[in-house]
Amino acid sequence: METLVLSQSYEPVARISWQRAMMLLWQGKVEVVEEYDDRLVRSVTLEIRMPSVIRFLRGERRKGRGIKFSRDNVYMRDGCKCQYCGRKVSRPEATYDHVVPRAQGGRTTWENIVIACVPCNQKKGGRTPVQAGLKLLSTPEKPRKLPGSVQLTFAYEKGMPVSWRKFLRDVAYWHTELEE
């Protein structure tokens, strides 16, 4: 059995095991919003209903480091285009270029790596764009958000506990064709 976790503002944020939900409850971090009618958790001296939906009492802290520095994310940041000529480049054709070459002290960071097509990367070689007579289309920087990244949404689907329905959108809401 799973438990739906809501943020302090009643937005769905996760699905966790009922055991983890009980731990959060005992730690005083959550409150029970809905319970399973037919499921009980028993100890020697206590009997309580299993939580179906819980809610954080305080805002949860975001522990993430932000967007992971990876080739795929650099490709997404640069809009799948060579940053020298602007040509759209498929993933297999894409090369990752150090704007300031490592031989000249350049580091492998968000601010020094761009997508380049093979001809532009070969033209640039081990030089800076200025030395090679090339111009960057945009200044590379660490993105706050990636274009095309997916926001996680929870939708109510057949088989989920009925008690979750009022906190989740129905799948049909997202997948039915809109009228013009």
N, C-alpha and C. Protein backbone atom coordinates (compact mmCIF):
# COMPACT_ATOMS: atom_id res chain seq x y z
N MET A 1 0.83 -1.19 0.00
CA MET A 1 0.00 0.00 0.00
C MET A 1 0.87 1.24 0.00
N GLU A 2 0.44 2.22 -0.75
CA GLU A 2 1.16 3.47 -0.84
C GLU A 2 0.38 4.59 -0.18
N THR A 3 1.11 5.65 0.13
CA THR A 3 0.52 6.84 0.71
C THR A 3 0.87 8.02 -0.18
N LEU A 4 -0.12 8.86 -0.46
CA LEU A 4 0.10 10.08 -1.24
C LEU A 4 0.59 11.16 -0.30
N VAL A 5 1.66 11.87 -0.71
CA VAL A 5 2.23 12.94 0.11
C VAL A 5 1.88 14.28 -0.53
N LEU A 6 1.35 15.19 0.30
CA LEU A 6 1.01 16.53 -0.16
C LEU A 6 1.95 17.55 0.46
N SER A 7 2.18 18.63 -0.25
CA SER A 7 2.98 19.73 0.30
C SER A 7 2.12 20.44 1.35
N GLN A 8 2.71 21.42 1.98
CA GLN A 8 1.99 22.21 2.98
C GLN A 8 0.76 22.86 2.36
N SER A 9 0.84 23.17 1.05
CA SER A 9 -0.28 23.81 0.35
C SER A 9 -1.18 22.81 -0.38
N TYR A 10 -1.16 21.55 0.03
CA TYR A 10 -2.03 20.50 -0.49
C TYR A 10 -1.76 20.13 -1.96
N GLU A 11 -0.56 20.33 -2.44
CA GLU A 11 -0.21 19.90 -3.79
C GLU A 11 0.48 18.54 -3.70
N PRO A 12 0.14 17.58 -4.57
CA PRO A 12 0.79 16.27 -4.52
C PRO A 12 2.27 16.37 -4.88
N VAL A 13 3.13 15.75 -4.06
CA VAL A 13 4.58 15.82 -4.31
C VAL A 13 5.22 14.44 -4.42
N ALA A 14 4.60 13.39 -3.87
CA ALA A 14 5.23 12.07 -3.93
C ALA A 14 4.24 10.98 -3.57
N ARG A 15 4.67 9.76 -3.88
CA ARG A 15 3.98 8.54 -3.43
C ARG A 15 5.02 7.76 -2.66
N ILE A 16 4.71 7.38 -1.43
CA ILE A 16 5.67 6.66 -0.60
C ILE A 16 5.00 5.45 0.02
N SER A 17 5.81 4.58 0.61
CA SER A 17 5.25 3.40 1.28
C SER A 17 4.53 3.84 2.56
N TRP A 18 3.59 3.04 3.00
CA TRP A 18 2.86 3.39 4.22
C TRP A 18 3.81 3.37 5.42
N GLN A 19 4.87 2.53 5.36
CA GLN A 19 5.84 2.47 6.46
C GLN A 19 6.59 3.80 6.58
N ARG A 20 7.00 4.36 5.44
CA ARG A 20 7.69 5.66 5.45
C ARG A 20 6.73 6.74 5.95
N ALA A 21 5.47 6.66 5.55
CA ALA A 21 4.46 7.62 6.01
C ALA A 21 4.32 7.57 7.53
N MET A 22 4.35 6.35 8.09
CA MET A 22 4.23 6.21 9.55
C MET A 22 5.45 6.83 10.24
N MET A 23 6.64 6.66 9.66
CA MET A 23 7.85 7.26 10.24
C MET A 23 7.74 8.79 10.25
N LEU A 24 7.28 9.37 9.14
CA LEU A 24 7.12 10.82 9.08
C LEU A 24 6.08 11.31 10.10
N LEU A 25 5.05 10.51 10.28
CA LEU A 25 4.01 10.84 11.26
C LEU A 25 4.57 10.82 12.68
N TRP A 26 5.32 9.76 13.02
CA TRP A 26 5.89 9.65 14.37
C TRP A 26 6.93 10.75 14.61
N GLN A 27 7.59 11.21 13.55
CA GLN A 27 8.57 12.29 13.70
C GLN A 27 7.91 13.66 13.80
N GLY A 28 6.61 13.70 13.63
CA GLY A 28 5.88 14.96 13.74
C GLY A 28 6.02 15.87 12.53
N LYS A 29 6.42 15.32 11.39
CA LYS A 29 6.64 16.12 10.19
C LYS A 29 5.39 16.26 9.32
N VAL A 30 4.44 15.34 9.51
CA VAL A 30 3.24 15.33 8.66
C VAL A 30 1.99 15.15 9.52
N GLU A 31 0.87 15.43 8.88
CA GLU A 31 -0.42 15.11 9.50
C GLU A 31 -1.18 14.20 8.55
N VAL A 32 -2.06 13.40 9.08
CA VAL A 32 -2.87 12.50 8.26
C VAL A 32 -4.07 13.27 7.76
N VAL A 33 -4.26 13.25 6.44
CA VAL A 33 -5.39 13.93 5.82
C VAL A 33 -6.51 12.93 5.52
N GLU A 34 -6.13 11.75 5.02
CA GLU A 34 -7.10 10.68 4.72
C GLU A 34 -6.51 9.37 5.21
N GLU A 35 -7.40 8.45 5.57
CA GLU A 35 -6.96 7.12 6.03
C GLU A 35 -7.65 6.05 5.18
N TYR A 36 -7.03 4.86 5.12
CA TYR A 36 -7.68 3.71 4.51
C TYR A 36 -8.70 3.18 5.52
N ASP A 37 -9.93 2.98 5.08
CA ASP A 37 -10.97 2.49 5.99
C ASP A 37 -10.74 1.04 6.41
N ASP A 38 -10.15 0.25 5.52
CA ASP A 38 -10.04 -1.19 5.76
C ASP A 38 -8.63 -1.66 6.11
N ARG A 39 -7.73 -0.76 6.40
CA ARG A 39 -6.34 -1.14 6.72
C ARG A 39 -5.95 -0.58 8.08
N LEU A 40 -5.46 -1.45 8.94
CA LEU A 40 -5.04 -1.04 10.28
C LEU A 40 -3.57 -1.35 10.50
N VAL A 41 -2.91 -0.50 11.28
CA VAL A 41 -1.54 -0.75 11.72
C VAL A 41 -1.65 -1.02 13.21
N ARG A 42 -1.15 -2.19 13.62
CA ARG A 42 -1.30 -2.60 15.02
C ARG A 42 0.05 -2.78 15.68
N SER A 43 0.09 -2.37 16.95
CA SER A 43 1.23 -2.70 17.80
C SER A 43 0.63 -3.39 19.02
N VAL A 44 1.43 -3.68 20.01
CA VAL A 44 0.92 -4.35 21.21
C VAL A 44 -0.12 -3.49 21.92
N THR A 45 0.11 -2.18 21.94
CA THR A 45 -0.78 -1.29 22.70
C THR A 45 -1.58 -0.31 21.85
N LEU A 46 -1.37 -0.30 20.56
CA LEU A 46 -1.96 0.74 19.72
C LEU A 46 -2.54 0.15 18.44
N GLU A 47 -3.61 0.74 17.97
CA GLU A 47 -4.21 0.34 16.70
C GLU A 47 -4.67 1.62 16.01
N ILE A 48 -4.09 1.90 14.84
CA ILE A 48 -4.51 3.09 14.08
C ILE A 48 -4.72 2.72 12.63
N ARG A 49 -5.51 3.55 11.95
CA ARG A 49 -5.76 3.31 10.53
C ARG A 49 -4.52 3.72 9.73
N MET A 50 -4.26 2.97 8.65
CA MET A 50 -3.13 3.25 7.78
C MET A 50 -3.39 4.55 7.02
N PRO A 51 -2.40 5.45 6.96
CA PRO A 51 -2.61 6.71 6.24
C PRO A 51 -2.66 6.52 4.73
N SER A 52 -3.66 7.13 4.11
CA SER A 52 -3.81 7.10 2.67
C SER A 52 -3.21 8.37 2.06
N VAL A 53 -3.44 9.50 2.72
CA VAL A 53 -2.91 10.80 2.28
C VAL A 53 -2.36 11.52 3.50
N ILE A 54 -1.12 12.03 3.36
CA ILE A 54 -0.52 12.83 4.44
C ILE A 54 -0.09 14.17 3.87
N ARG A 55 0.10 15.15 4.77
CA ARG A 55 0.50 16.49 4.35
C ARG A 55 1.62 16.99 5.23
N PHE A 56 2.66 17.57 4.61
CA PHE A 56 3.74 18.16 5.38
C PHE A 56 3.21 19.34 6.19
N LEU A 57 3.67 19.44 7.43
CA LEU A 57 3.26 20.55 8.30
C LEU A 57 4.06 21.81 8.00
N ARG A 58 5.29 21.66 7.56
CA ARG A 58 6.14 22.79 7.18
C ARG A 58 6.59 22.58 5.75
N GLY A 59 7.00 23.68 5.11
CA GLY A 59 7.51 23.58 3.74
C GLY A 59 8.74 22.70 3.69
N GLU A 60 8.79 21.82 2.71
CA GLU A 60 9.95 20.93 2.59
C GLU A 60 11.10 21.69 1.95
N ARG A 61 12.30 21.37 2.37
CA ARG A 61 13.50 22.00 1.82
C ARG A 61 13.91 21.29 0.55
N ARG A 62 14.32 22.06 -0.42
CA ARG A 62 14.83 21.48 -1.67
C ARG A 62 16.33 21.25 -1.50
N LYS A 63 16.76 20.00 -1.64
CA LYS A 63 18.16 19.66 -1.42
C LYS A 63 18.96 19.60 -2.71
N GLY A 64 18.28 19.74 -3.84
CA GLY A 64 18.95 19.55 -5.12
C GLY A 64 20.05 20.57 -5.39
N ARG A 65 21.02 20.17 -6.20
CA ARG A 65 22.12 21.05 -6.59
C ARG A 65 21.73 21.85 -7.81
N GLY A 66 20.54 21.75 -8.24
CA GLY A 66 20.17 22.40 -9.49
C GLY A 66 20.26 21.39 -10.61
N ILE A 67 20.50 21.89 -11.79
CA ILE A 67 20.53 21.03 -12.96
C ILE A 67 21.90 20.36 -13.07
N LYS A 68 21.86 19.05 -13.29
CA LYS A 68 23.09 18.27 -13.40
C LYS A 68 23.88 18.68 -14.65
N PHE A 69 25.19 18.84 -14.47
CA PHE A 69 26.06 19.18 -15.59
C PHE A 69 26.36 17.89 -16.36
N SER A 70 25.76 17.76 -17.54
CA SER A 70 25.95 16.57 -18.37
C SER A 70 25.92 16.97 -19.84
N ARG A 71 26.41 16.12 -20.69
CA ARG A 71 26.40 16.39 -22.13
C ARG A 71 24.98 16.62 -22.63
N ASP A 72 24.08 15.75 -22.17
CA ASP A 72 22.69 15.85 -22.61
C ASP A 72 22.09 17.20 -22.21
N ASN A 73 22.38 17.65 -20.98
CA ASN A 73 21.83 18.92 -20.53
C ASN A 73 22.47 20.12 -21.23
N VAL A 74 23.74 20.02 -21.61
CA VAL A 74 24.38 21.08 -22.40
C VAL A 74 23.70 21.14 -23.76
N TYR A 75 23.44 19.97 -24.33
CA TYR A 75 22.76 19.88 -25.63
C TYR A 75 21.38 20.55 -25.55
N MET A 76 20.65 20.27 -24.48
CA MET A 76 19.32 20.88 -24.29
C MET A 76 19.45 22.40 -24.10
N ARG A 77 20.39 22.81 -23.26
CA ARG A 77 20.58 24.25 -23.00
C ARG A 77 20.83 25.00 -24.28
N ASP A 78 21.66 24.43 -25.17
CA ASP A 78 22.03 25.11 -26.41
C ASP A 78 21.00 24.94 -27.52
N GLY A 79 19.86 24.38 -27.19
CA GLY A 79 18.77 24.27 -28.16
C GLY A 79 19.07 23.36 -29.33
N CYS A 80 19.96 22.36 -29.13
CA CYS A 80 20.32 21.38 -30.15
C CYS A 80 20.99 22.03 -31.36
N LYS A 81 21.62 23.19 -31.16
CA LYS A 81 22.23 23.93 -32.27
C LYS A 81 23.71 24.18 -32.01
N CYS A 82 24.48 24.20 -33.11
CA CYS A 82 25.88 24.58 -33.04
C CYS A 82 25.94 26.04 -32.58
N GLN A 83 26.73 26.32 -31.58
CA GLN A 83 26.80 27.67 -31.03
C GLN A 83 27.72 28.59 -31.84
N TYR A 84 28.26 28.09 -32.95
CA TYR A 84 29.07 28.92 -33.83
C TYR A 84 28.34 29.27 -35.12
N CYS A 85 27.71 28.28 -35.76
CA CYS A 85 27.03 28.56 -37.03
C CYS A 85 25.50 28.55 -36.91
N GLY A 86 24.96 28.01 -35.83
CA GLY A 86 23.51 28.00 -35.62
C GLY A 86 22.80 26.83 -36.27
N ARG A 87 23.53 25.93 -36.92
CA ARG A 87 22.91 24.78 -37.57
C ARG A 87 22.40 23.79 -36.54
N LYS A 88 21.20 23.25 -36.78
CA LYS A 88 20.64 22.23 -35.89
C LYS A 88 21.50 20.97 -36.01
N VAL A 89 21.87 20.40 -34.87
CA VAL A 89 22.77 19.25 -34.85
C VAL A 89 22.10 18.11 -34.09
N SER A 90 22.06 16.92 -34.69
CA SER A 90 21.49 15.77 -33.97
C SER A 90 22.46 15.33 -32.89
N ARG A 91 21.96 14.60 -31.90
CA ARG A 91 22.83 14.17 -30.79
C ARG A 91 24.08 13.41 -31.26
N PRO A 92 23.92 12.46 -32.19
CA PRO A 92 25.13 11.73 -32.61
C PRO A 92 26.16 12.62 -33.31
N GLU A 93 25.70 13.67 -34.01
CA GLU A 93 26.61 14.57 -34.72
C GLU A 93 27.21 15.64 -33.81
N ALA A 94 26.60 15.88 -32.66
CA ALA A 94 27.02 16.98 -31.79
C ALA A 94 28.37 16.70 -31.15
N THR A 95 29.19 17.75 -31.09
CA THR A 95 30.45 17.66 -30.34
C THR A 95 30.37 18.69 -29.22
N TYR A 96 31.14 18.48 -28.21
CA TYR A 96 31.15 19.37 -27.04
C TYR A 96 32.47 20.11 -27.05
N ASP A 97 32.39 21.41 -27.19
CA ASP A 97 33.59 22.21 -27.39
C ASP A 97 33.89 23.06 -26.16
N HIS A 98 35.17 23.07 -25.75
CA HIS A 98 35.62 23.99 -24.71
C HIS A 98 35.84 25.35 -25.40
N VAL A 99 35.11 26.37 -24.99
CA VAL A 99 35.25 27.70 -25.59
C VAL A 99 36.71 28.15 -25.44
N VAL A 100 37.20 28.13 -24.21
CA VAL A 100 38.63 28.35 -23.96
C VAL A 100 39.22 26.95 -23.82
N PRO A 101 40.05 26.53 -24.76
CA PRO A 101 40.58 25.16 -24.73
C PRO A 101 41.29 24.83 -23.42
N ARG A 102 41.23 23.57 -23.05
CA ARG A 102 41.88 23.13 -21.81
C ARG A 102 43.38 23.41 -21.86
N ALA A 103 43.97 23.31 -23.04
CA ALA A 103 45.40 23.59 -23.19
C ALA A 103 45.73 25.05 -22.84
N GLN A 104 44.72 25.92 -22.91
CA GLN A 104 44.92 27.34 -22.57
C GLN A 104 44.32 27.67 -21.20
N GLY A 105 44.06 26.65 -20.41
CA GLY A 105 43.53 26.88 -19.05
C GLY A 105 42.02 26.82 -18.92
N GLY A 106 41.33 26.48 -19.99
CA GLY A 106 39.87 26.38 -19.93
C GLY A 106 39.44 25.19 -19.09
N ARG A 107 38.32 25.35 -18.40
CA ARG A 107 37.83 24.28 -17.53
C ARG A 107 36.56 23.68 -18.12
N THR A 108 36.21 22.52 -17.62
CA THR A 108 34.99 21.84 -18.07
C THR A 108 33.86 22.27 -17.14
N THR A 109 33.22 23.38 -17.49
CA THR A 109 32.14 23.95 -16.69
C THR A 109 31.01 24.38 -17.62
N TRP A 110 29.85 24.68 -17.03
CA TRP A 110 28.71 25.18 -17.80
C TRP A 110 29.12 26.40 -18.63
N GLU A 111 29.97 27.25 -18.05
CA GLU A 111 30.32 28.53 -18.67
C GLU A 111 31.39 28.38 -19.77
N ASN A 112 31.94 27.17 -19.96
CA ASN A 112 33.01 27.01 -20.94
C ASN A 112 32.75 25.88 -21.95
N ILE A 113 31.60 25.24 -21.89
CA ILE A 113 31.28 24.15 -22.82
C ILE A 113 30.07 24.54 -23.66
N VAL A 114 30.18 24.31 -24.97
CA VAL A 114 29.05 24.56 -25.88
C VAL A 114 28.94 23.40 -26.86
N ILE A 115 27.80 23.34 -27.52
CA ILE A 115 27.57 22.37 -28.59
C ILE A 115 28.15 22.96 -29.88
N ALA A 116 28.83 22.12 -30.65
CA ALA A 116 29.37 22.56 -31.93
C ALA A 116 29.20 21.44 -32.94
N CYS A 117 28.97 21.84 -34.19
CA CYS A 117 28.94 20.84 -35.26
C CYS A 117 30.40 20.45 -35.56
N VAL A 118 30.60 19.33 -36.21
CA VAL A 118 31.96 18.85 -36.48
C VAL A 118 32.77 19.86 -37.30
N PRO A 119 32.22 20.42 -38.41
CA PRO A 119 33.02 21.38 -39.17
C PRO A 119 33.48 22.60 -38.34
N CYS A 120 32.58 23.16 -37.53
CA CYS A 120 32.96 24.31 -36.70
C CYS A 120 33.98 23.92 -35.64
N ASN A 121 33.80 22.74 -35.04
CA ASN A 121 34.74 22.30 -34.01
C ASN A 121 36.12 22.07 -34.63
N GLN A 122 36.17 21.51 -35.85
CA GLN A 122 37.46 21.29 -36.52
C GLN A 122 38.10 22.62 -36.92
N LYS A 123 37.28 23.57 -37.36
CA LYS A 123 37.80 24.89 -37.74
C LYS A 123 38.40 25.59 -36.51
N LYS A 124 37.72 25.45 -35.38
CA LYS A 124 38.18 26.11 -34.15
C LYS A 124 39.44 25.45 -33.62
N GLY A 125 39.48 24.13 -33.68
CA GLY A 125 40.65 23.40 -33.19
C GLY A 125 40.96 23.72 -31.75
N GLY A 126 42.23 23.86 -31.41
CA GLY A 126 42.65 24.14 -30.04
C GLY A 126 42.81 25.62 -29.76
N ARG A 127 41.96 26.45 -30.43
CA ARG A 127 42.05 27.91 -30.26
C ARG A 127 40.78 28.44 -29.62
N THR A 128 40.81 29.68 -29.20
CA THR A 128 39.60 30.34 -28.71
C THR A 128 38.78 30.74 -29.93
N PRO A 129 37.50 31.05 -29.78
CA PRO A 129 36.70 31.48 -30.93
C PRO A 129 37.31 32.71 -31.64
N VAL A 130 37.81 33.66 -30.87
CA VAL A 130 38.42 34.86 -31.46
C VAL A 130 39.63 34.49 -32.30
N GLN A 131 40.49 33.63 -31.76
CA GLN A 131 41.70 33.20 -32.49
C GLN A 131 41.34 32.46 -33.78
N ALA A 132 40.19 31.75 -33.77
CA ALA A 132 39.78 30.97 -34.94
C ALA A 132 38.87 31.76 -35.88
N GLY A 133 38.56 33.00 -35.52
CA GLY A 133 37.68 33.83 -36.36
C GLY A 133 36.22 33.41 -36.28
N LEU A 134 35.81 32.83 -35.16
CA LEU A 134 34.42 32.41 -34.95
C LEU A 134 33.79 33.28 -33.87
N LYS A 135 32.46 33.33 -33.90
CA LYS A 135 31.74 34.11 -32.89
C LYS A 135 30.68 33.21 -32.26
N LEU A 136 30.60 33.24 -30.93
CA LEU A 136 29.57 32.48 -30.22
C LEU A 136 28.21 33.14 -30.41
N LEU A 137 27.18 32.34 -30.66
CA LEU A 137 25.83 32.88 -30.81
C LEU A 137 25.24 33.32 -29.48
N SER A 138 25.63 32.63 -28.40
CA SER A 138 25.17 33.01 -27.06
C SER A 138 26.26 32.68 -26.05
N THR A 139 26.26 33.42 -24.97
CA THR A 139 27.25 33.20 -23.91
C THR A 139 26.83 31.99 -23.09
N PRO A 140 27.68 30.98 -22.98
CA PRO A 140 27.29 29.79 -22.20
C PRO A 140 27.21 30.12 -20.72
N GLU A 141 26.15 29.64 -20.08
CA GLU A 141 25.98 29.82 -18.64
C GLU A 141 25.19 28.66 -18.06
N LYS A 142 25.27 28.52 -16.76
CA LYS A 142 24.51 27.46 -16.08
C LYS A 142 23.04 27.82 -16.14
N PRO A 143 22.21 26.94 -16.68
CA PRO A 143 20.77 27.26 -16.80
C PRO A 143 20.03 27.10 -15.47
N ARG A 144 19.02 27.92 -15.28
CA ARG A 144 18.15 27.76 -14.12
C ARG A 144 17.12 26.67 -14.40
N LYS A 145 16.74 26.59 -15.68
CA LYS A 145 15.73 25.63 -16.12
C LYS A 145 16.09 25.23 -17.55
N LEU A 146 15.83 24.01 -17.90
CA LEU A 146 16.12 23.55 -19.25
C LEU A 146 14.86 23.60 -20.10
N PRO A 147 14.98 24.07 -21.35
CA PRO A 147 13.81 24.01 -22.23
C PRO A 147 13.45 22.56 -22.49
N GLY A 148 12.18 22.28 -22.50
CA GLY A 148 11.74 20.93 -22.79
C GLY A 148 11.82 19.99 -21.60
N SER A 149 12.23 20.49 -20.41
CA SER A 149 12.27 19.60 -19.26
C SER A 149 10.85 19.37 -18.77
N VAL A 150 10.63 18.21 -18.25
CA VAL A 150 9.29 17.79 -17.87
C VAL A 150 9.03 18.11 -16.40
N GLN A 151 7.91 18.73 -16.13
CA GLN A 151 7.48 18.95 -14.77
C GLN A 151 6.67 17.72 -14.36
N LEU A 152 6.96 17.18 -13.20
CA LEU A 152 6.26 15.99 -12.74
C LEU A 152 4.86 16.37 -12.30
N THR A 153 3.87 15.69 -12.85
CA THR A 153 2.50 15.91 -12.43
C THR A 153 1.92 14.56 -12.04
N PHE A 154 1.05 14.59 -11.08
CA PHE A 154 0.38 13.37 -10.65
C PHE A 154 -1.04 13.42 -11.16
N ALA A 155 -1.47 12.34 -11.76
CA ALA A 155 -2.83 12.25 -12.27
C ALA A 155 -3.50 11.03 -11.66
N TYR A 156 -4.79 11.16 -11.40
CA TYR A 156 -5.54 10.03 -10.86
C TYR A 156 -5.77 9.02 -11.96
N GLU A 157 -5.40 7.77 -11.68
CA GLU A 157 -5.58 6.70 -12.64
C GLU A 157 -6.38 5.58 -12.00
N LYS A 158 -6.99 4.78 -12.84
CA LYS A 158 -7.77 3.63 -12.38
C LYS A 158 -6.88 2.74 -11.50
N GLY A 159 -7.40 2.32 -10.38
CA GLY A 159 -6.66 1.45 -9.47
C GLY A 159 -6.05 2.19 -8.29
N MET A 160 -5.97 3.51 -8.38
CA MET A 160 -5.44 4.29 -7.25
C MET A 160 -6.53 4.37 -6.18
N PRO A 161 -6.14 4.56 -4.92
CA PRO A 161 -7.15 4.70 -3.87
C PRO A 161 -8.11 5.86 -4.16
N VAL A 162 -9.38 5.64 -3.90
CA VAL A 162 -10.40 6.66 -4.14
C VAL A 162 -10.12 7.92 -3.33
N SER A 163 -9.53 7.77 -2.15
CA SER A 163 -9.24 8.92 -1.28
C SER A 163 -8.23 9.89 -1.92
N TRP A 164 -7.50 9.44 -2.94
CA TRP A 164 -6.53 10.31 -3.60
C TRP A 164 -7.19 11.21 -4.65
N ARG A 165 -8.38 10.80 -5.10
CA ARG A 165 -9.01 11.45 -6.25
C ARG A 165 -9.15 12.97 -6.10
N LYS A 166 -9.54 13.44 -4.93
CA LYS A 166 -9.76 14.88 -4.79
C LYS A 166 -8.46 15.69 -4.78
N PHE A 167 -7.32 15.02 -4.67
CA PHE A 167 -6.03 15.72 -4.67
C PHE A 167 -5.31 15.62 -6.01
N LEU A 168 -5.78 14.73 -6.88
CA LEU A 168 -5.13 14.49 -8.17
C LEU A 168 -6.10 14.77 -9.31
N ARG A 169 -5.56 15.30 -10.41
CA ARG A 169 -6.37 15.49 -11.61
C ARG A 169 -6.64 14.13 -12.24
N ASP A 170 -7.75 14.02 -12.90
CA ASP A 170 -8.09 12.81 -13.62
C ASP A 170 -7.23 12.72 -14.89
N VAL A 171 -6.74 11.54 -15.23
CA VAL A 171 -5.92 11.34 -16.43
C VAL A 171 -6.65 11.86 -17.66
N ALA A 172 -7.94 11.65 -17.72
CA ALA A 172 -8.72 12.08 -18.87
C ALA A 172 -8.63 13.60 -19.06
N TYR A 173 -8.48 14.34 -17.98
CA TYR A 173 -8.36 15.79 -18.05
C TYR A 173 -7.18 16.19 -18.95
N TRP A 174 -6.07 15.46 -18.84
CA TRP A 174 -4.86 15.78 -19.59
C TRP A 174 -4.82 15.16 -20.98
N HIS A 175 -5.52 14.06 -21.18
CA HIS A 175 -5.36 13.30 -22.42
C HIS A 175 -6.55 13.37 -23.37
N THR A 176 -7.62 14.05 -23.00
CA THR A 176 -8.74 14.17 -23.92
C THR A 176 -8.49 15.31 -24.89
N GLU A 177 -8.99 15.14 -26.10
CA GLU A 177 -8.79 16.16 -27.12
C GLU A 177 -9.60 17.39 -26.77
N LEU A 178 -9.01 18.56 -26.94
CA LEU A 178 -9.70 19.81 -26.65
C LEU A 178 -10.54 20.21 -27.84
N GLU A 179 -11.67 20.87 -27.56
CA GLU A 179 -12.53 21.35 -28.64
C GLU A 179 -12.02 22.71 -29.08
N GLU A 180 -12.18 23.00 -30.37
CA GLU A 180 -11.71 24.30 -30.89
C GLU A 180 -12.75 25.36 -30.69
